N, C-alpha and C. Protein backbone atom coordinates (compact mmCIF):
# COMPACT_ATOMS: atom_id res chain seq x y z
N UNK A 1 42.55 151.99 66.18
CA UNK A 1 42.55 151.02 67.25
C UNK A 1 41.23 151.05 68.01
N UNK A 2 40.70 152.23 68.18
CA UNK A 2 39.42 152.35 68.89
C UNK A 2 38.32 151.56 68.17
N UNK A 3 38.32 151.59 66.86
CA UNK A 3 37.32 150.83 66.09
C UNK A 3 37.54 149.33 66.29
N UNK A 4 38.78 148.88 66.29
CA UNK A 4 39.09 147.46 66.47
C UNK A 4 38.56 146.95 67.80
N UNK A 5 38.79 147.68 68.88
CA UNK A 5 38.40 147.21 70.21
C UNK A 5 36.97 147.61 70.59
N UNK A 6 36.23 148.17 69.66
CA UNK A 6 34.87 148.61 69.98
C UNK A 6 33.97 147.44 70.37
N UNK A 7 34.32 146.22 69.96
CA UNK A 7 33.53 145.03 70.30
C UNK A 7 33.94 144.42 71.64
N UNK A 8 34.97 144.94 72.26
CA UNK A 8 35.45 144.39 73.54
C UNK A 8 34.38 144.54 74.61
N UNK A 9 34.24 143.48 75.40
CA UNK A 9 33.25 143.46 76.48
C UNK A 9 33.89 142.84 77.71
N UNK A 10 33.35 143.16 78.87
CA UNK A 10 33.76 142.49 80.10
C UNK A 10 35.12 142.92 80.59
N UNK A 11 35.89 141.95 81.05
CA UNK A 11 37.21 142.17 81.62
C UNK A 11 38.28 142.03 80.53
N UNK A 12 39.04 143.09 80.30
CA UNK A 12 40.02 143.14 79.21
C UNK A 12 41.41 143.40 79.78
N UNK A 13 42.38 142.62 79.30
CA UNK A 13 43.78 142.82 79.69
C UNK A 13 44.56 143.40 78.51
N UNK A 14 45.18 144.54 78.74
CA UNK A 14 46.05 145.20 77.75
C UNK A 14 47.49 144.79 78.07
N UNK A 15 48.08 143.98 77.21
CA UNK A 15 49.41 143.42 77.45
C UNK A 15 50.46 144.30 76.77
N UNK A 16 51.38 144.83 77.57
CA UNK A 16 52.38 145.76 77.05
C UNK A 16 51.77 147.11 76.81
N UNK A 17 51.06 147.60 77.80
CA UNK A 17 50.19 148.77 77.64
C UNK A 17 50.92 150.09 77.43
N UNK A 18 52.18 150.20 77.85
CA UNK A 18 52.82 151.52 77.82
C UNK A 18 52.11 152.40 78.83
N UNK A 19 51.53 153.48 78.37
CA UNK A 19 50.76 154.38 79.24
C UNK A 19 49.34 153.84 79.38
N UNK A 20 48.97 153.33 80.56
CA UNK A 20 47.64 152.74 80.70
C UNK A 20 46.50 153.74 80.56
N UNK A 21 46.74 155.01 80.77
CA UNK A 21 45.69 156.00 80.58
C UNK A 21 45.31 156.11 79.11
N UNK A 22 46.30 155.99 78.23
CA UNK A 22 46.04 156.01 76.79
C UNK A 22 45.28 154.75 76.39
N UNK A 23 45.72 153.59 76.88
CA UNK A 23 45.05 152.34 76.55
C UNK A 23 43.62 152.30 77.05
N UNK A 24 43.40 152.71 78.28
CA UNK A 24 42.06 152.68 78.86
C UNK A 24 41.09 153.57 78.09
N UNK A 25 41.58 154.66 77.55
CA UNK A 25 40.73 155.60 76.82
C UNK A 25 40.19 155.02 75.51
N UNK A 26 40.76 153.92 75.04
CA UNK A 26 40.31 153.29 73.79
C UNK A 26 39.00 152.53 73.96
N UNK A 27 38.65 152.20 75.20
CA UNK A 27 37.53 151.31 75.46
C UNK A 27 36.30 152.05 75.95
N UNK A 28 35.16 151.39 75.74
CA UNK A 28 33.89 151.91 76.25
C UNK A 28 33.94 151.89 77.78
N UNK A 29 33.20 152.79 78.42
CA UNK A 29 33.19 152.83 79.89
C UNK A 29 32.72 151.53 80.54
N UNK A 30 31.96 150.73 79.82
CA UNK A 30 31.45 149.47 80.38
C UNK A 30 32.52 148.38 80.48
N UNK A 31 33.67 148.56 79.82
CA UNK A 31 34.75 147.59 79.86
C UNK A 31 35.54 147.75 81.16
N UNK A 32 35.87 146.64 81.78
CA UNK A 32 36.75 146.65 82.96
C UNK A 32 38.17 146.46 82.44
N UNK A 33 38.97 147.48 82.54
CA UNK A 33 40.31 147.54 81.93
C UNK A 33 41.39 147.22 82.96
N UNK A 34 42.26 146.28 82.59
CA UNK A 34 43.45 145.95 83.38
C UNK A 34 44.62 145.99 82.42
N UNK A 35 45.76 146.48 82.88
CA UNK A 35 46.93 146.59 82.02
C UNK A 35 48.15 145.98 82.70
N UNK A 36 49.05 145.48 81.87
CA UNK A 36 50.31 144.95 82.38
C UNK A 36 51.43 145.37 81.44
N UNK A 37 52.55 145.74 82.04
CA UNK A 37 53.70 146.20 81.26
C UNK A 37 54.96 145.97 82.10
N UNK A 38 56.06 145.55 81.48
CA UNK A 38 57.28 145.34 82.27
C UNK A 38 57.84 146.63 82.87
N UNK A 39 57.42 147.78 82.34
CA UNK A 39 57.93 149.05 82.83
C UNK A 39 56.89 149.87 83.58
N UNK A 40 55.80 149.21 84.01
CA UNK A 40 54.77 149.91 84.77
C UNK A 40 55.36 150.47 86.05
N UNK A 41 54.93 151.66 86.40
CA UNK A 41 55.45 152.28 87.62
C UNK A 41 54.71 151.75 88.84
N UNK A 42 55.41 151.69 89.94
CA UNK A 42 54.81 151.26 91.20
C UNK A 42 53.71 152.23 91.60
N UNK A 43 52.66 151.70 92.15
CA UNK A 43 51.58 152.54 92.63
C UNK A 43 50.59 152.97 91.58
N UNK A 44 50.75 152.56 90.33
CA UNK A 44 49.79 152.91 89.30
C UNK A 44 48.59 151.98 89.42
N UNK A 45 47.41 152.49 89.70
CA UNK A 45 46.25 151.62 89.91
C UNK A 45 45.75 150.95 88.64
N UNK A 46 46.17 151.42 87.47
CA UNK A 46 45.69 150.84 86.22
C UNK A 46 46.62 149.79 85.64
N UNK A 47 47.88 149.74 86.04
CA UNK A 47 48.83 148.83 85.39
C UNK A 47 49.64 148.04 86.41
N UNK A 48 49.78 146.77 86.13
CA UNK A 48 50.63 145.87 86.90
C UNK A 48 51.96 145.73 86.20
N UNK A 49 53.00 145.43 86.94
CA UNK A 49 54.30 145.18 86.33
C UNK A 49 54.42 143.68 86.05
N UNK A 50 54.73 143.33 84.81
CA UNK A 50 54.87 141.93 84.43
C UNK A 50 55.15 141.80 82.95
N UNK A 51 55.42 140.57 82.54
CA UNK A 51 55.78 140.30 81.14
C UNK A 51 54.72 139.41 80.49
N UNK A 52 54.61 139.52 79.20
CA UNK A 52 53.59 138.80 78.43
C UNK A 52 53.80 137.29 78.44
N UNK A 53 55.04 136.85 78.59
CA UNK A 53 55.33 135.41 78.54
C UNK A 53 54.99 134.69 79.84
N UNK A 54 54.66 135.42 80.90
CA UNK A 54 54.36 134.81 82.19
C UNK A 54 53.31 135.68 82.91
N UNK A 55 52.09 135.62 82.43
CA UNK A 55 51.03 136.46 82.97
C UNK A 55 50.60 135.96 84.35
N UNK A 56 50.53 136.84 85.33
CA UNK A 56 50.24 136.44 86.71
C UNK A 56 48.74 136.32 87.02
N UNK A 57 48.03 135.60 86.15
CA UNK A 57 46.58 135.45 86.31
C UNK A 57 46.19 133.99 86.20
N UNK A 58 45.07 133.64 86.83
CA UNK A 58 44.53 132.29 86.72
C UNK A 58 44.02 132.05 85.31
N UNK A 59 43.78 130.80 85.00
CA UNK A 59 43.17 130.43 83.72
C UNK A 59 41.76 130.97 83.63
N UNK A 60 41.33 131.27 82.42
CA UNK A 60 39.92 131.59 82.12
C UNK A 60 39.37 132.74 82.95
N UNK A 61 40.07 133.86 82.96
CA UNK A 61 39.65 135.03 83.74
C UNK A 61 39.16 136.17 82.85
N UNK A 62 39.85 136.44 81.76
CA UNK A 62 39.58 137.62 80.93
C UNK A 62 38.69 137.30 79.74
N UNK A 63 37.89 138.28 79.38
CA UNK A 63 37.04 138.16 78.20
C UNK A 63 37.81 138.50 76.93
N UNK A 64 38.86 139.29 77.06
CA UNK A 64 39.66 139.70 75.91
C UNK A 64 41.06 140.12 76.34
N UNK A 65 41.99 140.00 75.41
CA UNK A 65 43.33 140.54 75.60
C UNK A 65 43.67 141.41 74.41
N UNK A 66 44.57 142.35 74.66
CA UNK A 66 44.96 143.32 73.64
C UNK A 66 46.48 143.39 73.58
N UNK A 67 47.02 143.34 72.37
CA UNK A 67 48.42 143.69 72.11
C UNK A 67 48.36 144.88 71.17
N UNK A 68 48.48 146.07 71.70
CA UNK A 68 48.42 147.29 70.90
C UNK A 68 49.85 147.73 70.58
N UNK A 69 50.36 147.26 69.49
CA UNK A 69 51.73 147.49 69.01
C UNK A 69 52.77 147.07 70.05
N UNK A 70 52.48 146.00 70.77
CA UNK A 70 53.42 145.52 71.79
C UNK A 70 53.97 144.13 71.51
N UNK A 71 53.33 143.34 70.65
CA UNK A 71 53.77 141.95 70.45
C UNK A 71 55.19 141.88 69.88
N UNK A 72 55.58 142.84 69.05
CA UNK A 72 56.92 142.83 68.48
C UNK A 72 58.00 143.24 69.49
N UNK A 73 57.59 143.68 70.67
CA UNK A 73 58.52 144.02 71.74
C UNK A 73 58.73 142.86 72.71
N UNK A 74 57.99 141.78 72.52
CA UNK A 74 58.03 140.61 73.40
C UNK A 74 59.08 139.64 72.88
N UNK A 75 59.93 139.14 73.77
CA UNK A 75 60.98 138.23 73.31
C UNK A 75 60.41 136.96 72.69
N UNK A 76 59.49 136.28 73.38
CA UNK A 76 58.93 135.03 72.88
C UNK A 76 57.44 135.24 72.59
N UNK A 77 57.14 135.67 71.38
CA UNK A 77 55.77 136.04 71.05
C UNK A 77 54.82 134.85 71.00
N UNK A 78 55.31 133.66 70.70
CA UNK A 78 54.44 132.48 70.70
C UNK A 78 54.00 132.16 72.13
N UNK A 79 54.94 132.19 73.06
CA UNK A 79 54.58 131.97 74.46
C UNK A 79 53.62 133.05 74.95
N UNK A 80 53.82 134.28 74.53
CA UNK A 80 52.92 135.37 74.91
C UNK A 80 51.50 135.13 74.39
N UNK A 81 51.38 134.66 73.15
CA UNK A 81 50.05 134.36 72.61
C UNK A 81 49.42 133.17 73.34
N UNK A 82 50.22 132.16 73.68
CA UNK A 82 49.72 131.04 74.48
C UNK A 82 49.19 131.52 75.83
N UNK A 83 49.93 132.42 76.45
CA UNK A 83 49.51 132.97 77.74
C UNK A 83 48.21 133.77 77.59
N UNK A 84 48.12 134.55 76.54
CA UNK A 84 46.89 135.33 76.29
C UNK A 84 45.70 134.39 76.14
N UNK A 85 45.89 133.29 75.45
CA UNK A 85 44.80 132.32 75.27
C UNK A 85 44.47 131.61 76.58
N UNK A 86 45.46 131.31 77.37
CA UNK A 86 45.26 130.60 78.64
C UNK A 86 44.34 131.37 79.59
N UNK A 87 44.46 132.67 79.60
CA UNK A 87 43.70 133.47 80.57
C UNK A 87 42.31 133.86 80.07
N UNK A 88 41.96 133.46 78.83
CA UNK A 88 40.63 133.74 78.27
C UNK A 88 39.55 132.87 78.88
N UNK A 89 38.35 133.42 78.92
CA UNK A 89 37.16 132.60 79.12
C UNK A 89 36.86 131.95 77.76
N UNK A 90 35.91 131.04 77.72
CA UNK A 90 35.53 130.39 76.45
C UNK A 90 35.17 131.45 75.41
N UNK A 91 35.65 131.27 74.21
CA UNK A 91 35.41 132.20 73.10
C UNK A 91 35.95 133.60 73.35
N UNK A 92 37.03 133.70 74.11
CA UNK A 92 37.64 135.00 74.35
C UNK A 92 38.20 135.62 73.07
N UNK A 93 38.40 136.92 73.10
CA UNK A 93 38.87 137.66 71.93
C UNK A 93 40.29 138.18 72.12
N UNK A 94 41.03 138.17 71.05
CA UNK A 94 42.36 138.77 70.99
C UNK A 94 42.29 139.92 70.00
N UNK A 95 42.71 141.10 70.45
CA UNK A 95 42.78 142.27 69.58
C UNK A 95 44.26 142.60 69.41
N UNK A 96 44.72 142.62 68.17
CA UNK A 96 46.14 142.78 67.88
C UNK A 96 46.35 143.91 66.87
N UNK A 97 47.25 144.82 67.22
CA UNK A 97 47.72 145.83 66.28
C UNK A 97 49.23 145.68 66.22
N UNK A 98 49.76 145.51 65.01
CA UNK A 98 51.20 145.36 64.86
C UNK A 98 51.62 145.78 63.46
N UNK A 99 52.91 145.96 63.28
CA UNK A 99 53.44 146.24 61.94
C UNK A 99 53.81 144.93 61.28
N UNK A 100 53.55 144.85 59.98
CA UNK A 100 53.91 143.69 59.18
C UNK A 100 54.81 144.18 58.05
N UNK A 101 55.94 143.54 57.94
CA UNK A 101 56.94 143.95 56.96
C UNK A 101 56.67 143.25 55.64
N UNK A 102 56.66 144.00 54.57
CA UNK A 102 56.40 143.46 53.24
C UNK A 102 57.65 143.50 52.37
N UNK A 103 58.70 144.09 52.88
CA UNK A 103 59.93 144.24 52.11
C UNK A 103 61.11 144.02 53.06
N UNK A 104 62.21 144.66 52.79
CA UNK A 104 63.43 144.50 53.58
C UNK A 104 63.24 144.95 55.03
N UNK A 105 64.00 144.33 55.90
CA UNK A 105 64.02 144.77 57.29
C UNK A 105 65.30 144.28 57.93
N UNK A 106 65.70 144.96 58.98
CA UNK A 106 66.91 144.57 59.69
C UNK A 106 66.74 144.84 61.17
N UNK A 107 66.94 143.80 61.97
CA UNK A 107 66.89 143.98 63.41
C UNK A 107 68.21 144.49 63.96
N UNK A 108 69.24 144.50 63.13
CA UNK A 108 70.57 144.93 63.58
C UNK A 108 70.54 146.37 64.07
N UNK A 109 69.81 147.22 63.39
CA UNK A 109 69.78 148.64 63.76
C UNK A 109 68.57 149.01 64.61
N UNK A 110 67.74 148.03 64.94
CA UNK A 110 66.52 148.28 65.70
C UNK A 110 66.77 147.90 67.16
N UNK A 111 66.69 148.86 68.05
CA UNK A 111 67.03 148.61 69.44
C UNK A 111 65.83 148.45 70.35
N UNK A 112 64.60 148.53 69.82
CA UNK A 112 63.43 148.40 70.68
C UNK A 112 62.50 147.25 70.31
N UNK A 113 62.67 146.69 69.13
CA UNK A 113 61.82 145.58 68.69
C UNK A 113 62.62 144.29 68.66
N UNK A 114 62.00 143.22 69.15
CA UNK A 114 62.64 141.91 69.06
C UNK A 114 62.27 141.20 67.77
N UNK A 115 61.20 141.64 67.12
CA UNK A 115 60.71 140.96 65.91
C UNK A 115 60.26 141.98 64.87
N UNK A 116 60.48 141.63 63.63
CA UNK A 116 59.90 142.32 62.49
C UNK A 116 59.09 141.26 61.77
N UNK A 117 57.79 141.26 62.01
CA UNK A 117 56.92 140.20 61.53
C UNK A 117 56.67 140.28 60.04
N UNK A 118 56.63 139.12 59.42
CA UNK A 118 56.04 138.95 58.09
C UNK A 118 54.63 138.41 58.34
N UNK A 119 53.75 138.55 57.38
CA UNK A 119 52.36 138.13 57.56
C UNK A 119 52.26 136.66 57.93
N UNK A 120 53.05 135.80 57.31
CA UNK A 120 52.95 134.36 57.59
C UNK A 120 53.37 134.03 59.02
N UNK A 121 54.23 134.85 59.62
CA UNK A 121 54.64 134.59 61.01
C UNK A 121 53.49 134.85 61.97
N UNK A 122 52.78 135.93 61.76
CA UNK A 122 51.62 136.23 62.60
C UNK A 122 50.55 135.15 62.41
N UNK A 123 50.23 134.84 61.16
CA UNK A 123 49.20 133.84 60.88
C UNK A 123 49.57 132.48 61.47
N UNK A 124 50.81 132.07 61.31
CA UNK A 124 51.26 130.78 61.84
C UNK A 124 51.23 130.73 63.35
N UNK A 125 51.66 131.79 64.00
CA UNK A 125 51.66 131.82 65.47
C UNK A 125 50.24 131.78 66.01
N UNK A 126 49.33 132.52 65.40
CA UNK A 126 47.94 132.51 65.85
C UNK A 126 47.32 131.13 65.69
N UNK A 127 47.54 130.50 64.56
CA UNK A 127 47.00 129.15 64.34
C UNK A 127 47.60 128.16 65.33
N UNK A 128 48.91 128.23 65.50
CA UNK A 128 49.60 127.33 66.44
C UNK A 128 49.05 127.47 67.86
N UNK A 129 48.69 128.68 68.26
CA UNK A 129 48.21 128.94 69.62
C UNK A 129 46.70 128.77 69.78
N UNK A 130 46.03 128.33 68.73
CA UNK A 130 44.61 128.04 68.84
C UNK A 130 43.68 129.20 68.62
N UNK A 131 44.10 130.16 67.81
CA UNK A 131 43.23 131.29 67.49
C UNK A 131 42.70 131.16 66.08
N UNK A 132 41.49 131.64 65.89
CA UNK A 132 40.89 131.73 64.56
C UNK A 132 40.67 133.21 64.26
N UNK A 133 41.20 133.68 63.15
CA UNK A 133 41.07 135.09 62.79
C UNK A 133 39.63 135.39 62.42
N UNK A 134 39.07 136.37 63.07
CA UNK A 134 37.70 136.80 62.83
C UNK A 134 37.66 137.93 61.79
N UNK A 135 38.60 138.88 61.92
CA UNK A 135 38.67 139.99 60.96
C UNK A 135 40.06 140.59 60.99
N UNK A 136 40.44 141.18 59.89
CA UNK A 136 41.70 141.93 59.86
C UNK A 136 41.59 143.04 58.83
N UNK A 137 42.35 144.07 59.07
CA UNK A 137 42.42 145.19 58.13
C UNK A 137 43.83 145.75 58.18
N UNK A 138 44.18 146.42 57.11
CA UNK A 138 45.52 146.97 56.96
C UNK A 138 45.42 148.49 56.95
N UNK A 139 46.48 149.12 57.39
CA UNK A 139 46.55 150.57 57.28
C UNK A 139 47.96 150.98 56.90
N UNK A 140 48.04 152.08 56.22
CA UNK A 140 49.35 152.60 55.82
C UNK A 140 50.06 153.14 57.06
N UNK A 141 51.31 152.77 57.21
CA UNK A 141 52.08 153.22 58.37
C UNK A 141 53.01 154.35 57.95
N UNK A 142 52.68 155.54 58.40
CA UNK A 142 53.45 156.75 58.07
C UNK A 142 53.60 156.82 56.56
N UNK A 143 54.80 157.02 56.07
CA UNK A 143 55.03 157.05 54.62
C UNK A 143 55.81 155.82 54.17
N UNK A 144 55.88 154.81 55.04
CA UNK A 144 56.66 153.61 54.74
C UNK A 144 56.07 152.83 53.57
N UNK A 145 56.95 152.30 52.75
CA UNK A 145 56.52 151.39 51.68
C UNK A 145 56.96 149.97 51.97
N UNK A 146 57.76 149.76 53.01
CA UNK A 146 58.28 148.43 53.32
C UNK A 146 57.54 147.74 54.47
N UNK A 147 56.57 148.41 55.07
CA UNK A 147 55.76 147.80 56.12
C UNK A 147 54.39 148.46 56.18
N UNK A 148 53.43 147.70 56.67
CA UNK A 148 52.07 148.19 56.83
C UNK A 148 51.60 147.83 58.24
N UNK A 149 50.58 148.52 58.69
CA UNK A 149 49.98 148.21 59.97
C UNK A 149 48.88 147.17 59.80
N UNK A 150 48.72 146.34 60.78
CA UNK A 150 47.70 145.30 60.77
C UNK A 150 46.85 145.42 62.03
N UNK A 151 45.54 145.49 61.84
CA UNK A 151 44.57 145.40 62.93
C UNK A 151 43.89 144.05 62.79
N UNK A 152 43.89 143.25 63.85
CA UNK A 152 43.38 141.89 63.76
C UNK A 152 42.56 141.54 64.99
N UNK A 153 41.43 140.90 64.76
CA UNK A 153 40.60 140.37 65.84
C UNK A 153 40.54 138.86 65.65
N UNK A 154 40.94 138.11 66.67
CA UNK A 154 40.91 136.65 66.62
C UNK A 154 40.15 136.13 67.83
N UNK A 155 39.60 134.93 67.67
CA UNK A 155 38.85 134.28 68.73
C UNK A 155 39.57 132.98 69.09
N UNK A 156 39.59 132.68 70.37
CA UNK A 156 40.18 131.41 70.82
C UNK A 156 39.28 130.29 70.35
N UNK A 157 39.85 129.36 69.61
CA UNK A 157 39.03 128.25 69.08
C UNK A 157 39.13 127.04 69.97
């Protein structure tokens, strides 16, 4: 993930950050890091409490947004991607890390993820929301053979 976000510049929003100290450590010191998470604790100076589908920011504020394994936890991921694009400055960047399922999957037994993405779902949502994929790479996820990790950098077109 650190390699993926190494190109991040300016003001960056980490959407669904979890622990903002972990997220902030991924970026160069020159990046201005802001985080948002529905479970952020009160009084945390690095993270705001909020949801990806309704970001509490004006249009065209951030240079980049990040979903670091958080997009599959969002109920409406298309709206979340629209919101991420809305808050970008011109030519803003989206950095996405998520799991992509290549075989069987079941949400019935999964209590923390709202989505198990197939590659075409990610590609379709990004295109629909006005993103152009700049680069992507895959990584093996644990010892799983039914899903892989995806690192993706997209630009708002």
